[in-house]
């Protein structure tokens, strides 16, 4: 989380907003990654 917030700050994104959105973004990323892994082994 710290690295993501540092990246947001470097990009000029409000870190409070980034901290609010990161859990949702992470959930989508994990879901999509799991779908890709499932397709590769199916």
N, C-alpha and C. Protein backbone atom coordinates (compact mmCIF):
# COMPACT_ATOMS: atom_id res chain seq x y z
N UNK A 1 0.83 -1.19 0.00
CA UNK A 1 0.00 0.00 0.00
C UNK A 1 0.87 1.25 0.00
N UNK A 2 1.96 1.18 0.72
CA UNK A 2 2.85 2.33 0.78
C UNK A 2 3.41 2.70 -0.58
N UNK A 3 3.80 1.68 -1.34
CA UNK A 3 4.35 1.95 -2.68
C UNK A 3 3.27 2.54 -3.59
N UNK A 4 2.06 2.03 -3.48
CA UNK A 4 0.97 2.55 -4.31
C UNK A 4 0.67 4.00 -3.96
N UNK A 5 0.69 4.33 -2.69
CA UNK A 5 0.44 5.72 -2.28
C UNK A 5 1.58 6.63 -2.71
N UNK A 6 2.81 6.13 -2.65
CA UNK A 6 3.95 6.93 -3.11
C UNK A 6 3.83 7.19 -4.61
N UNK A 7 3.39 6.17 -5.37
CA UNK A 7 3.20 6.34 -6.81
C UNK A 7 2.10 7.36 -7.08
N UNK A 8 1.01 7.28 -6.33
CA UNK A 8 -0.09 8.23 -6.50
C UNK A 8 0.40 9.64 -6.24
N UNK A 9 1.18 9.81 -5.18
CA UNK A 9 1.69 11.14 -4.84
C UNK A 9 2.62 11.65 -5.95
N UNK A 10 3.45 10.77 -6.48
CA UNK A 10 4.37 11.16 -7.55
C UNK A 10 3.61 11.57 -8.80
N UNK A 11 2.44 10.95 -9.01
CA UNK A 11 1.62 11.27 -10.18
C UNK A 11 0.71 12.47 -9.94
N UNK A 12 0.75 13.01 -8.74
CA UNK A 12 -0.07 14.17 -8.42
C UNK A 12 -1.50 13.83 -8.05
N UNK A 13 -1.74 12.57 -7.69
CA UNK A 13 -3.07 12.13 -7.29
C UNK A 13 -3.20 12.29 -5.78
N UNK A 14 -4.33 12.79 -5.34
CA UNK A 14 -4.58 12.97 -3.92
C UNK A 14 -4.46 11.61 -3.21
N UNK A 15 -3.56 11.51 -2.24
CA UNK A 15 -3.31 10.22 -1.59
C UNK A 15 -4.51 9.74 -0.77
N UNK A 16 -5.34 10.65 -0.28
CA UNK A 16 -6.54 10.22 0.45
C UNK A 16 -7.52 9.54 -0.49
N UNK A 17 -7.66 10.09 -1.69
CA UNK A 17 -8.53 9.47 -2.69
C UNK A 17 -7.95 8.12 -3.11
N UNK A 18 -6.65 8.08 -3.34
CA UNK A 18 -6.01 6.83 -3.74
C UNK A 18 -6.19 5.77 -2.66
N UNK A 19 -6.05 6.15 -1.40
CA UNK A 19 -6.21 5.19 -0.31
C UNK A 19 -7.64 4.66 -0.25
N UNK A 20 -8.60 5.49 -0.60
CA UNK A 20 -10.01 5.05 -0.62
C UNK A 20 -10.26 4.07 -1.77
N UNK A 21 -9.63 4.31 -2.92
CA UNK A 21 -9.90 3.51 -4.11
C UNK A 21 -9.06 2.24 -4.21
N UNK A 22 -7.91 2.21 -3.56
CA UNK A 22 -7.00 1.08 -3.72
C UNK A 22 -7.62 -0.28 -3.39
N UNK A 23 -8.37 -0.43 -2.31
CA UNK A 23 -8.94 -1.75 -2.03
C UNK A 23 -9.86 -2.25 -3.15
N UNK A 24 -10.64 -1.36 -3.73
CA UNK A 24 -11.52 -1.76 -4.83
C UNK A 24 -10.72 -2.12 -6.08
N UNK A 25 -9.71 -1.32 -6.37
CA UNK A 25 -8.86 -1.59 -7.53
C UNK A 25 -8.14 -2.93 -7.35
N UNK A 26 -7.65 -3.16 -6.14
CA UNK A 26 -6.94 -4.41 -5.85
C UNK A 26 -7.87 -5.61 -6.04
N UNK A 27 -9.11 -5.49 -5.59
CA UNK A 27 -10.06 -6.59 -5.72
C UNK A 27 -10.30 -6.93 -7.18
N UNK A 28 -10.43 -5.91 -8.03
CA UNK A 28 -10.64 -6.14 -9.46
C UNK A 28 -9.40 -6.79 -10.06
N UNK A 29 -8.23 -6.30 -9.69
CA UNK A 29 -6.99 -6.86 -10.22
C UNK A 29 -6.86 -8.33 -9.86
N UNK A 30 -7.14 -8.68 -8.61
CA UNK A 30 -7.03 -10.07 -8.16
C UNK A 30 -8.04 -10.94 -8.90
N UNK A 31 -9.25 -10.45 -9.05
CA UNK A 31 -10.29 -11.21 -9.75
C UNK A 31 -9.89 -11.48 -11.20
N UNK A 32 -9.39 -10.46 -11.89
CA UNK A 32 -8.99 -10.62 -13.28
C UNK A 32 -7.78 -11.53 -13.40
N UNK A 33 -6.84 -11.43 -12.49
CA UNK A 33 -5.66 -12.29 -12.51
C UNK A 33 -6.08 -13.74 -12.31
N UNK A 34 -6.99 -13.98 -11.37
CA UNK A 34 -7.49 -15.34 -11.14
C UNK A 34 -8.20 -15.88 -12.37
N UNK A 35 -8.95 -15.03 -13.08
CA UNK A 35 -9.61 -15.47 -14.31
C UNK A 35 -8.58 -15.88 -15.35
N UNK A 36 -7.51 -15.09 -15.50
CA UNK A 36 -6.48 -15.41 -16.47
C UNK A 36 -5.77 -16.70 -16.11
N UNK A 37 -5.49 -16.89 -14.83
CA UNK A 37 -4.83 -18.12 -14.39
C UNK A 37 -5.74 -19.31 -14.66
N UNK A 38 -7.03 -19.16 -14.38
CA UNK A 38 -8.00 -20.23 -14.61
C UNK A 38 -8.10 -20.59 -16.08
N UNK A 39 -8.05 -19.61 -16.95
CA UNK A 39 -8.12 -19.87 -18.39
C UNK A 39 -6.88 -20.60 -18.87
N UNK A 40 -5.75 -20.30 -18.27
CA UNK A 40 -4.50 -20.94 -18.67
C UNK A 40 -4.43 -22.40 -18.28
N UNK A 41 -5.15 -22.78 -17.22
CA UNK A 41 -5.12 -24.16 -16.74
C UNK A 41 -6.37 -24.95 -17.14
N UNK A 42 -7.28 -24.32 -17.90
CA UNK A 42 -8.53 -24.97 -18.23
C UNK A 42 -8.39 -25.70 -19.48
